[in-house]
PDB file of N, CA and C in Angstrom:
ATOM      1  N   MET A   1       1.168  -1.606   0.029  1.00  0.00           N
ATOM      2  CA  MET A   1      -0.124  -0.136   0.463  1.00  0.00           C
ATOM      3  C   MET A   1       0.701   1.326  -0.066  1.00  0.00           C
ATOM      4  N   GLY A   2       2.412   1.153   0.346  1.00  0.00           N
ATOM      5  CA  GLY A   2       2.973   2.159   0.485  1.00  0.00           C
ATOM      6  C   GLY A   2       3.376   2.746  -1.000  1.00  0.00           C
ATOM      7  N   ASN A   3       3.263   2.420  -2.236  1.00  0.00           N
ATOM      8  CA  ASN A   3       3.392   2.859  -3.218  1.00  0.00           C
ATOM      9  C   ASN A   3       2.050   3.262  -3.546  1.00  0.00           C
ATOM     10  N   LEU A   4       0.910   2.744  -3.569  1.00  0.00           N
ATOM     11  CA  LEU A   4      -0.333   3.351  -3.676  1.00  0.00           C
ATOM     12  C   LEU A   4      -0.443   4.836  -2.831  1.00  0.00           C
ATOM     13  N   SER A   5      -0.257   4.527  -1.455  1.00  0.00           N
ATOM     14  CA  SER A   5      -0.328   5.777  -0.959  1.00  0.00           C
ATOM     15  C   SER A   5       1.030   7.053  -1.857  1.00  0.00           C
ATOM     16  N   LYS A   6       1.889   6.698  -1.831  1.00  0.00           N
ATOM     17  CA  LYS A   6       2.747   7.727  -2.856  1.00  0.00           C
ATOM     18  C   LYS A   6       2.098   8.211  -4.264  1.00  0.00           C
ATOM     19  N   THR A   7       1.456   7.597  -4.914  1.00  0.00           N
ATOM     20  CA  THR A   7       0.846   7.724  -6.158  1.00  0.00           C
ATOM     21  C   THR A   7      -0.387   8.495  -5.450  1.00  0.00           C
ATOM     22  N   ILE A   8      -1.117   8.217  -5.326  1.00  0.00           N
ATOM     23  CA  ILE A   8      -2.738   8.939  -4.611  1.00  0.00           C
ATOM     24  C   ILE A   8      -1.873  10.704  -4.235  1.00  0.00           C
ATOM     25  N   GLN A   9      -1.351  10.537  -3.070  1.00  0.00           N
ATOM     26  CA  GLN A   9      -0.406  11.832  -3.158  1.00  0.00           C
ATOM     27  C   GLN A   9      -0.425  12.592  -3.954  1.00  0.00           C
ATOM     28  N   GLN A  10       0.605  12.381  -5.102  1.00  0.00           N
ATOM     29  CA  GLN A  10       1.563  12.965  -6.072  1.00  0.00           C
ATOM     30  C   GLN A  10       0.178  13.176  -6.744  1.00  0.00           C
ATOM     31  N   GLN A  11      -0.795  12.772  -6.696  1.00  0.00           N
ATOM     32  CA  GLN A  11      -2.065  12.971  -7.684  1.00  0.00           C
ATOM     33  C   GLN A  11      -2.675  13.911  -7.231  1.00  0.00           C
ATOM     34  N   ILE A  12      -2.595  13.900  -5.848  1.00  0.00           N
ATOM     35  CA  ILE A  12      -3.439  14.899  -5.427  1.00  0.00           C
ATOM     36  C   ILE A  12      -2.733  16.276  -5.311  1.00  0.00           C
ATOM     37  N   GLN A  13      -1.343  16.150  -4.619  1.00  0.00           N
ATOM     38  CA  GLN A  13      -1.147  17.459  -5.118  1.00  0.00           C
ATOM     39  C   GLN A  13      -0.773  17.668  -6.399  1.00  0.00           C
ATOM     40  N   GLY A  14      -0.832  17.556  -7.220  1.00  0.00           N
ATOM     41  CA  GLY A  14      -1.862  17.943  -8.975  1.00  0.00           C
ATOM     42  C   GLY A  14      -2.818  19.046  -9.207  1.00  0.00           C
ATOM     43  N   ILE A  15      -3.511  18.429  -7.865  1.00  0.00           N
ATOM     44  CA  ILE A  15      -5.271  18.977  -8.230  1.00  0.00           C
ATOM     45  C   ILE A  15      -5.455  20.620  -7.623  1.00  0.00           C
ATOM     46  N   PRO A  16      -5.823  20.970  -8.321  1.00  0.00           N
ATOM     47  CA  PRO A  16      -5.761  22.776  -7.302  1.00  0.00           C
ATOM     48  C   PRO A  16      -6.414  22.544  -5.941  1.00  0.00           C
ATOM     49  N   ASP A  17      -6.398  23.490  -5.523  1.00  0.00           N
ATOM     50  CA  ASP A  17      -7.260  23.509  -4.201  1.00  0.00           C
ATOM     51  C   ASP A  17      -8.470  24.165  -4.635  1.00  0.00           C
ATOM     52  N   ASP A  18      -9.063  23.771  -3.601  1.00  0.00           N
ATOM     53  CA  ASP A  18     -10.626  24.680  -3.995  1.00  0.00           C
ATOM     54  C   ASP A  18     -11.622  23.486  -4.788  1.00  0.00           C
ATOM     55  N   THR A  19     -11.004  22.362  -5.308  1.00  0.00           N
ATOM     56  CA  THR A  19     -11.278  21.569  -6.875  1.00  0.00           C
ATOM     57  C   THR A  19     -11.879  20.026  -6.132  1.00  0.00           C
ATOM     58  N   SER A  20     -12.815  19.697  -6.402  1.00  0.00           N
ATOM     59  CA  SER A  20     -13.254  18.571  -5.779  1.00  0.00           C
ATOM     60  C   SER A  20     -12.542  17.004  -7.117  1.00  0.00           C
ATOM     61  N   PHE A  21     -12.897  15.914  -6.514  1.00  0.00           N
ATOM     62  CA  PHE A  21     -12.363  14.890  -6.983  1.00  0.00           C
ATOM     63  C   PHE A  21     -12.770  13.637  -6.520  1.00  0.00           C
ATOM     64  N   GLY A  22     -13.242  12.766  -6.995  1.00  0.00           N
ATOM     65  CA  GLY A  22     -13.241  11.453  -7.120  1.00  0.00           C
ATOM     66  C   GLY A  22     -12.008  10.361  -7.700  1.00  0.00           C
ATOM     67  N   TYR A  23     -12.634   8.691  -7.172  1.00  0.00           N
ATOM     68  CA  TYR A  23     -11.853   7.778  -7.707  1.00  0.00           C
ATOM     69  C   TYR A  23     -11.333   7.868  -9.283  1.00  0.00           C
ATOM     70  N   GLY A  24     -12.819   8.252  -9.559  1.00  0.00           N
ATOM     71  CA  GLY A  24     -12.490   8.557 -11.620  1.00  0.00           C
ATOM     72  C   GLY A  24     -11.168   9.093 -12.029  1.00  0.00           C
ATOM     73  N   GLU A  25     -11.372  10.169 -11.281  1.00  0.00           N
ATOM     74  CA  GLU A  25      -9.920  11.205 -11.179  1.00  0.00           C
ATOM     75  C   GLU A  25      -8.557  10.795 -11.164  1.00  0.00           C
ATOM     76  N   LEU A  26      -8.431   9.832 -10.016  1.00  0.00           N
ATOM     77  CA  LEU A  26      -7.058   9.388  -9.371  1.00  0.00           C
ATOM     78  C   LEU A  26      -6.916   8.289 -10.841  1.00  0.00           C
ATOM     79  N   ILE A  27      -5.897   7.982 -11.101  1.00  0.00           N
ATOM     80  CA  ILE A  27      -5.512   7.417 -11.783  1.00  0.00           C
ATOM     81  C   ILE A  27      -4.978   5.832 -11.419  1.00  0.00           C
ATOM     82  N   ILE A  28      -5.569   4.861 -10.461  1.00  0.00           N
ATOM     83  CA  ILE A  28      -5.760   3.441  -9.981  1.00  0.00           C
ATOM     84  C   ILE A  28      -6.388   2.349 -10.119  1.00  0.00           C
ATOM     85  N   PRO A  29      -5.808   1.444 -10.638  1.00  0.00           N
ATOM     86  CA  PRO A  29      -6.402   0.426 -10.684  1.00  0.00           C
ATOM     87  C   PRO A  29      -8.099  -0.085 -10.356  1.00  0.00           C
ATOM     88  N   GLU A  30      -9.208  -0.308 -10.472  1.00  0.00           N
ATOM     89  CA  GLU A  30     -10.223  -0.311  -9.817  1.00  0.00           C
ATOM     90  C   GLU A  30      -9.871  -1.346  -8.931  1.00  0.00           C
ATOM     91  N   GLN A  31      -9.605  -2.223  -8.793  1.00  0.00           N
ATOM     92  CA  GLN A  31      -9.558  -2.990  -7.900  1.00  0.00           C
ATOM     93  C   GLN A  31      -8.654  -2.387  -6.804  1.00  0.00           C
ATOM     94  N   GLN A  32      -7.817  -1.757  -6.993  1.00  0.00           N
ATOM     95  CA  GLN A  32      -7.436  -0.997  -5.862  1.00  0.00           C
ATOM     96  C   GLN A  32      -7.960   0.152  -4.968  1.00  0.00           C
ATOM     97  N   TYR A  33      -9.730   0.208  -5.561  1.00  0.00           N
ATOM     98  CA  TYR A  33     -10.227   1.474  -4.875  1.00  0.00           C
ATOM     99  C   TYR A  33     -10.817   0.995  -3.506  1.00  0.00           C
ATOM    100  N   PRO A  34     -10.285  -0.485  -3.039  1.00  0.00           N
ATOM    101  CA  PRO A  34     -10.529  -0.704  -0.956  1.00  0.00           C
ATOM    102  C   PRO A  34      -9.430   0.126  -0.631  1.00  0.00           C
ATOM    103  N   SER A  35      -8.268   0.055  -1.336  1.00  0.00           N
ATOM    104  CA  SER A  35      -7.308   0.414  -0.373  1.00  0.00           C
ATOM    105  C   SER A  35      -6.586   1.805  -1.022  1.00  0.00           C
ATOM    106  N   ALA A  36      -7.292   2.220  -1.975  1.00  0.00           N
ATOM    107  CA  ALA A  36      -7.066   3.699  -2.047  1.00  0.00           C
ATOM    108  C   ALA A  36      -8.344   4.761  -1.137  1.00  0.00           C
ATOM    109  N   ALA A  37      -9.373   3.891  -0.764  1.00  0.00           N
ATOM    110  CA  ALA A  37     -10.154   4.155   0.434  1.00  0.00           C
ATOM    111  C   ALA A  37      -9.664   4.275   1.693  1.00  0.00           C
ATOM    112  N   LYS A  38      -8.630   4.102   1.962  1.00  0.00           N
ATOM    113  CA  LYS A  38      -8.109   3.502   3.530  1.00  0.00           C
ATOM    114  C   LYS A  38      -6.855   4.624   2.961  1.00  0.00           C
ATOM    115  N   VAL A  39      -6.270   5.445   2.253  1.00  0.00           N
ATOM    116  CA  VAL A  39      -5.091   6.155   1.903  1.00  0.00           C
ATOM    117  C   VAL A  39      -6.020   7.329   2.454  1.00  0.00           C
ATOM    118  N   LEU A  40      -6.998   7.788   1.476  1.00  0.00           N
ATOM    119  CA  LEU A  40      -8.163   8.500   1.599  1.00  0.00           C
ATOM    120  C   LEU A  40      -8.630   9.247   2.668  1.00  0.00           C
ATOM    121  N   GLU A  41      -8.413   8.152   3.649  1.00  0.00           N
ATOM    122  CA  GLU A  41      -8.896   8.186   4.846  1.00  0.00           C
ATOM    123  C   GLU A  41      -8.114   8.868   5.761  1.00  0.00           C
ATOM    124  N   ARG A  42      -7.057   8.603   5.683  1.00  0.00           N
ATOM    125  CA  ARG A  42      -5.470   8.707   6.280  1.00  0.00           C
ATOM    126  C   ARG A  42      -5.365  10.354   5.567  1.00  0.00           C
ATOM    127  N   LEU A  43      -5.215  10.507   4.812  1.00  0.00           N
ATOM    128  CA  LEU A  43      -5.144  12.099   4.259  1.00  0.00           C
ATOM    129  C   LEU A  43      -6.170  12.893   5.097  1.00  0.00           C
ATOM    130  N   GLN A  44      -7.478  12.434   5.277  1.00  0.00           N
ATOM    131  CA  GLN A  44      -8.460  13.318   5.419  1.00  0.00           C
ATOM    132  C   GLN A  44      -8.308  13.574   6.932  1.00  0.00           C
ATOM    133  N   GLN A  45      -7.757  12.349   7.755  1.00  0.00           N
ATOM    134  CA  GLN A  45      -7.377  12.874   8.978  1.00  0.00           C
ATOM    135  C   GLN A  45      -6.088  13.688   9.350  1.00  0.00           C
ATOM    136  N   LYS A  46      -5.060  14.041   8.026  1.00  0.00           N
ATOM    137  CA  LYS A  46      -4.153  15.122   8.158  1.00  0.00           C
ATOM    138  C   LYS A  46      -4.947  16.251   7.811  1.00  0.00           C
ATOM    139  N   GLY A  47      -5.833  16.332   7.531  1.00  0.00           N
ATOM    140  CA  GLY A  47      -6.121  17.169   6.872  1.00  0.00           C
ATOM    141  C   GLY A  47      -6.169  17.986   5.211  1.00  0.00           C
ATOM    142  N   LEU A  48      -5.401  17.063   4.531  1.00  0.00           N
ATOM    143  CA  LEU A  48      -4.725  17.455   3.426  1.00  0.00           C
ATOM    144  C   LEU A  48      -5.890  17.416   2.574  1.00  0.00           C
ATOM    145  N   ILE A  49      -7.022  16.280   2.878  1.00  0.00           N
ATOM    146  CA  ILE A  49      -8.246  16.477   1.941  1.00  0.00           C
ATOM    147  C   ILE A  49      -9.605  16.663   2.964  1.00  0.00           C
ATOM    148  N   ARG A  50     -10.710  16.828   2.073  1.00  0.00           N
ATOM    149  CA  ARG A  50     -11.996  16.728   2.727  1.00  0.00           C
ATOM    150  C   ARG A  50     -12.978  16.334   2.347  1.00  0.00           C
ATOM    151  N   LYS A  51     -13.787  15.390   2.575  1.00  0.00           N
ATOM    152  CA  LYS A  51     -15.098  14.507   2.025  1.00  0.00           C
ATOM    153  C   LYS A  51     -16.308  15.182   1.582  1.00  0.00           C
ATOM    154  N   LEU A  52     -16.895  15.758   0.784  1.00  0.00           N
ATOM    155  CA  LEU A  52     -18.024  15.983   0.150  1.00  0.00           C
ATOM    156  C   LEU A  52     -18.999  15.356   0.180  1.00  0.00           C
ATOM    157  N   SER A  53     -18.971  13.975  -0.177  1.00  0.00           N
ATOM    158  CA  SER A  53     -19.974  12.944  -0.406  1.00  0.00           C
ATOM    159  C   SER A  53     -19.288  11.755  -0.612  1.00  0.00           C
ATOM    160  N   LYS A  54     -20.170  10.595  -0.186  1.00  0.00           N
ATOM    161  CA  LYS A  54     -19.083   9.322  -0.434  1.00  0.00           C
ATOM    162  C   LYS A  54     -18.444   9.387  -2.029  1.00  0.00           C
ATOM    163  N   GLY A  55     -17.467   8.998  -1.899  1.00  0.00           N
ATOM    164  CA  GLY A  55     -16.150   9.024  -3.007  1.00  0.00           C
ATOM    165  C   GLY A  55     -16.054  10.520  -3.122  1.00  0.00           C
ATOM    166  N   ILE A  56     -16.301  11.123  -3.254  1.00  0.00           N
ATOM    167  CA  ILE A  56     -15.791  12.591  -3.776  1.00  0.00           C
ATOM    168  C   ILE A  56     -15.468  13.357  -2.392  1.00  0.00           C
ATOM    169  N   PHE A  57     -14.430  14.218  -2.937  1.00  0.00           N
ATOM    170  CA  PHE A  57     -13.550  14.928  -2.008  1.00  0.00           C
ATOM    171  C   PHE A  57     -12.706  16.364  -2.641  1.00  0.00           C
ATOM    172  N   TYR A  58     -12.325  17.077  -1.681  1.00  0.00           N
ATOM    173  CA  TYR A  58     -11.547  18.020  -1.917  1.00  0.00           C
ATOM    174  C   TYR A  58     -10.531  18.429  -1.450  1.00  0.00           C
ATOM    175  N   LYS A  59      -9.587  19.871  -2.108  1.00  0.00           N
ATOM    176  CA  LYS A  59      -8.819  20.010  -1.055  1.00  0.00           C
ATOM    177  C   LYS A  59      -9.056  20.882  -0.976  1.00  0.00           C
ATOM    178  N   PRO A  60      -9.069  21.385   0.640  1.00  0.00           N
ATOM    179  CA  PRO A  60      -9.640  22.445   1.266  1.00  0.00           C
ATOM    180  C   PRO A  60      -8.563  23.753   0.781  1.00  0.00           C
ATOM    181  N   LYS A  61      -9.159  25.396   1.058  1.00  0.00           N
ATOM    182  CA  LYS A  61      -8.262  26.249   0.277  1.00  0.00           C
ATOM    183  C   LYS A  61      -8.505  26.745   1.852  1.00  0.00           C
ATOM    184  N   THR A  62      -7.300  27.800   2.363  1.00  0.00           N
ATOM    185  CA  THR A  62      -7.750  28.444   3.518  1.00  0.00           C
ATOM    186  C   THR A  62      -7.386  30.004   3.099  1.00  0.00           C
ATOM    187  N   THR A  63      -8.151  30.599   3.027  1.00  0.00           N
ATOM    188  CA  THR A  63      -7.888  32.130   3.264  1.00  0.00           C
ATOM    189  C   THR A  63      -7.699  32.888   4.215  1.00  0.00           C
ATOM    190  N   VAL A  64      -7.894  34.340   4.142  1.00  0.00           N
ATOM    191  CA  VAL A  64      -7.817  34.836   5.954  1.00  0.00           C
ATOM    192  C   VAL A  64      -8.546  34.818   6.681  1.00  0.00           C
ATOM    193  N   PHE A  65      -9.563  34.053   6.067  1.00  0.00           N
ATOM    194  CA  PHE A  65     -11.689  34.102   6.851  1.00  0.00           C
ATOM    195  C   PHE A  65     -11.804  32.662   7.384  1.00  0.00           C
ATOM    196  N   GLY A  66     -10.114  31.972   6.841  1.00  0.00           N
ATOM    197  CA  GLY A  66     -10.969  30.103   7.019  1.00  0.00           C
ATOM    198  C   GLY A  66     -10.219  29.443   5.894  1.00  0.00           C
ATOM    199  N   GLU A  67     -10.971  28.310   6.207  1.00  0.00           N
ATOM    200  CA  GLU A  67     -10.796  27.275   5.405  1.00  0.00           C
ATOM    201  C   GLU A  67     -12.250  27.786   4.096  1.00  0.00           C
ATOM    202  N   LYS A  68     -12.270  27.216   2.931  1.00  0.00           N
ATOM    203  CA  LYS A  68     -12.985  28.104   2.212  1.00  0.00           C
ATOM    204  C   LYS A  68     -13.324  26.373   1.869  1.00  0.00           C
ATOM    205  N   ARG A  69     -14.942  25.981   1.401  1.00  0.00           N
ATOM    206  CA  ARG A  69     -15.349  24.989   0.731  1.00  0.00           C
ATOM    207  C   ARG A  69     -15.368  25.520  -0.849  1.00  0.00           C
ATOM    208  N   PRO A  70     -15.481  24.231  -1.816  1.00  0.00           N
ATOM    209  CA  PRO A  70     -15.682  24.473  -3.014  1.00  0.00           C
ATOM    210  C   PRO A  70     -16.496  25.539  -3.449  1.00  0.00           C
ATOM    211  N   GLY A  71     -16.337  25.693  -4.537  1.00  0.00           N
ATOM    212  CA  GLY A  71     -17.828  26.309  -4.683  1.00  0.00           C
ATOM    213  C   GLY A  71     -18.797  25.671  -5.753  1.00  0.00           C
ATOM    214  N   GLU A  72     -20.188  25.959  -5.950  1.00  0.00           N
ATOM    215  CA  GLU A  72     -21.063  25.377  -6.274  1.00  0.00           C
ATOM    216  C   GLU A  72     -21.063  24.194  -7.567  1.00  0.00           C
ATOM    217  N   GLU A  73     -19.893  24.931  -8.459  1.00  0.00           N
ATOM    218  CA  GLU A  73     -19.826  24.137  -9.616  1.00  0.00           C
ATOM    219  C   GLU A  73     -19.130  23.304  -9.531  1.00  0.00           C
ATOM    220  N   GLN A  74     -17.841  23.008  -8.395  1.00  0.00           N
ATOM    221  CA  GLN A  74     -17.369  22.162  -8.584  1.00  0.00           C
ATOM    222  C   GLN A  74     -17.783  20.974  -7.244  1.00  0.00           C
ATOM    223  N   VAL A  75     -19.076  21.589  -6.313  1.00  0.00           N
ATOM    224  CA  VAL A  75     -19.511  20.359  -5.375  1.00  0.00           C
ATOM    225  C   VAL A  75     -20.320  19.649  -6.399  1.00  0.00           C
ATOM    226  N   LEU A  76     -21.094  20.263  -7.445  1.00  0.00           N
ATOM    227  CA  LEU A  76     -22.238  19.318  -8.455  1.00  0.00           C
ATOM    228  C   LEU A  76     -21.849  19.042  -9.689  1.00  0.00           C
ATOM    229  N   LYS A  77     -20.320  19.154  -9.644  1.00  0.00           N
ATOM    230  CA  LYS A  77     -19.350  18.695 -11.140  1.00  0.00           C
ATOM    231  C   LYS A  77     -19.609  16.955 -10.936  1.00  0.00           C
ATOM    232  N   PRO A  78     -19.485  16.357  -9.779  1.00  0.00           N
ATOM    233  CA  PRO A  78     -19.970  14.821  -9.891  1.00  0.00           C
ATOM    234  C   PRO A  78     -20.822  14.331 -10.523  1.00  0.00           C
ATOM    235  N   TYR A  79     -21.871  15.097 -10.096  1.00  0.00           N
ATOM    236  CA  TYR A  79     -23.545  14.836 -10.280  1.00  0.00           C
ATOM    237  C   TYR A  79     -23.900  15.514 -12.394  1.00  0.00           C
ATOM    238  N   LEU A  80     -23.071  16.370 -12.726  1.00  0.00           N
ATOM    239  CA  LEU A  80     -23.400  17.015 -14.282  1.00  0.00           C
ATOM    240  C   LEU A  80     -22.733  16.616 -14.702  1.00  0.00           C
ATOM    241  N   TYR A  81     -21.062  16.172 -14.590  1.00  0.00           N
ATOM    242  CA  TYR A  81     -20.517  15.469 -15.705  1.00  0.00           C
ATOM    243  C   TYR A  81     -20.057  14.533 -15.668  1.00  0.00           C
ATOM    244  N   ARG A  82     -19.436  13.680 -16.555  1.00  0.00           N
ATOM    245  CA  ARG A  82     -18.860  12.926 -16.625  1.00  0.00           C
ATOM    246  C   ARG A  82     -18.058  12.903 -17.979  1.00  0.00           C
ATOM    247  N   GLU A  83     -16.781  12.541 -17.887  1.00  0.00           N
ATOM    248  CA  GLU A  83     -15.680  12.263 -19.190  1.00  0.00           C
ATOM    249  C   GLU A  83     -15.826  13.930 -19.680  1.00  0.00           C
ATOM    250  N   GLY A  84     -15.510  14.676 -19.285  1.00  0.00           N
ATOM    251  CA  GLY A  84     -16.023  15.971 -19.872  1.00  0.00           C
ATOM    252  C   GLY A  84     -17.338  16.616 -20.299  1.00  0.00           C
ATOM    253  N   ALA A  85     -18.264  15.440 -20.467  1.00  0.00           N
ATOM    254  CA  ALA A  85     -19.862  16.409 -20.932  1.00  0.00           C
ATOM    255  C   ALA A  85     -20.993  15.983 -19.949  1.00  0.00           C
ATOM    256  N   LYS A  86     -21.540  17.216 -19.968  1.00  0.00           N
ATOM    257  CA  LYS A  86     -22.740  17.153 -19.507  1.00  0.00           C
ATOM    258  C   LYS A  86     -23.519  15.441 -19.418  1.00  0.00           C
ATOM    259  N   ASP A  87     -23.943  15.300 -18.287  1.00  0.00           N
ATOM    260  CA  ASP A  87     -24.584  14.450 -18.427  1.00  0.00           C
ATOM    261  C   ASP A  87     -25.972  14.334 -18.107  1.00  0.00           C
ATOM    262  N   ARG A  88     -26.724  14.115 -18.989  1.00  0.00           N
ATOM    263  CA  ARG A  88     -28.589  15.226 -18.646  1.00  0.00           C
ATOM    264  C   ARG A  88     -29.111  13.791 -17.621  1.00  0.00           C
ATOM    265  N   LEU A  89     -29.190  12.841 -17.723  1.00  0.00           N
ATOM    266  CA  LEU A  89     -29.510  11.685 -16.796  1.00  0.00           C
ATOM    267  C   LEU A  89     -29.508  12.107 -15.554  1.00  0.00           C
ATOM    268  N   HIS A  90     -28.161  12.269 -15.095  1.00  0.00           N
ATOM    269  CA  HIS A  90     -27.569  12.875 -13.901  1.00  0.00           C
ATOM    270  C   HIS A  90     -28.094  14.177 -13.672  1.00  0.00           C
ATOM    271  N   HIS A  91     -28.423  14.721 -14.789  1.00  0.00           N
ATOM    272  CA  HIS A  91     -28.915  16.479 -14.616  1.00  0.00           C
ATOM    273  C   HIS A  91     -30.302  16.511 -13.835  1.00  0.00           C
ATOM    274  N   ARG A  92     -31.093  15.265 -14.180  1.00  0.00           N
ATOM    275  CA  ARG A  92     -32.461  15.587 -13.636  1.00  0.00           C
ATOM    276  C   ARG A  92     -32.855  14.586 -12.489  1.00  0.00           C
ATOM    277  N   HIS A  93     -31.258  13.916 -11.763  1.00  0.00           N
ATOM    278  CA  HIS A  93     -31.602  13.378 -10.437  1.00  0.00           C
ATOM    279  C   HIS A  93     -30.469  13.746  -9.457  1.00  0.00           C
ATOM    280  N   LEU A  94     -30.783  15.108  -9.565  1.00  0.00           N
ATOM    281  CA  LEU A  94     -29.936  16.276  -8.224  1.00  0.00           C
ATOM    282  C   LEU A  94     -30.275  16.009  -6.949  1.00  0.00           C
ATOM    283  N   PRO A  95     -29.319  15.621  -5.826  1.00  0.00           N
ATOM    284  CA  PRO A  95     -30.037  15.682  -4.827  1.00  0.00           C
ATOM    285  C   PRO A  95     -30.266  17.057  -4.110  1.00  0.00           C
ATOM    286  N   LEU A  96     -31.702  17.589  -3.540  1.00  0.00           N
ATOM    287  CA  LEU A  96     -32.021  19.004  -3.285  1.00  0.00           C
ATOM    288  C   LEU A  96     -31.344  19.037  -1.958  1.00  0.00           C
TER     289      LEU A  96
END
């Protein structure tokens, strides 16, 4: 898991602050998702990432006013977009 941890941390370092991401944005084999979940949990405990919802995380951005959550577009991105295009099916089923 050491290599996986290092790989995930390097990939997350490349993600801009205030940006949401999920397992799909990380370049890891699907069979390693359970191990990746443990790595992501440890990164949350260290404060390097925060959880938005199940399987969706973001890198917090700290401002003079404290920690800033991602903007609306970043929060909704996993529900609206797939592979760079709007997914009309998911658009109709947004949680309110």
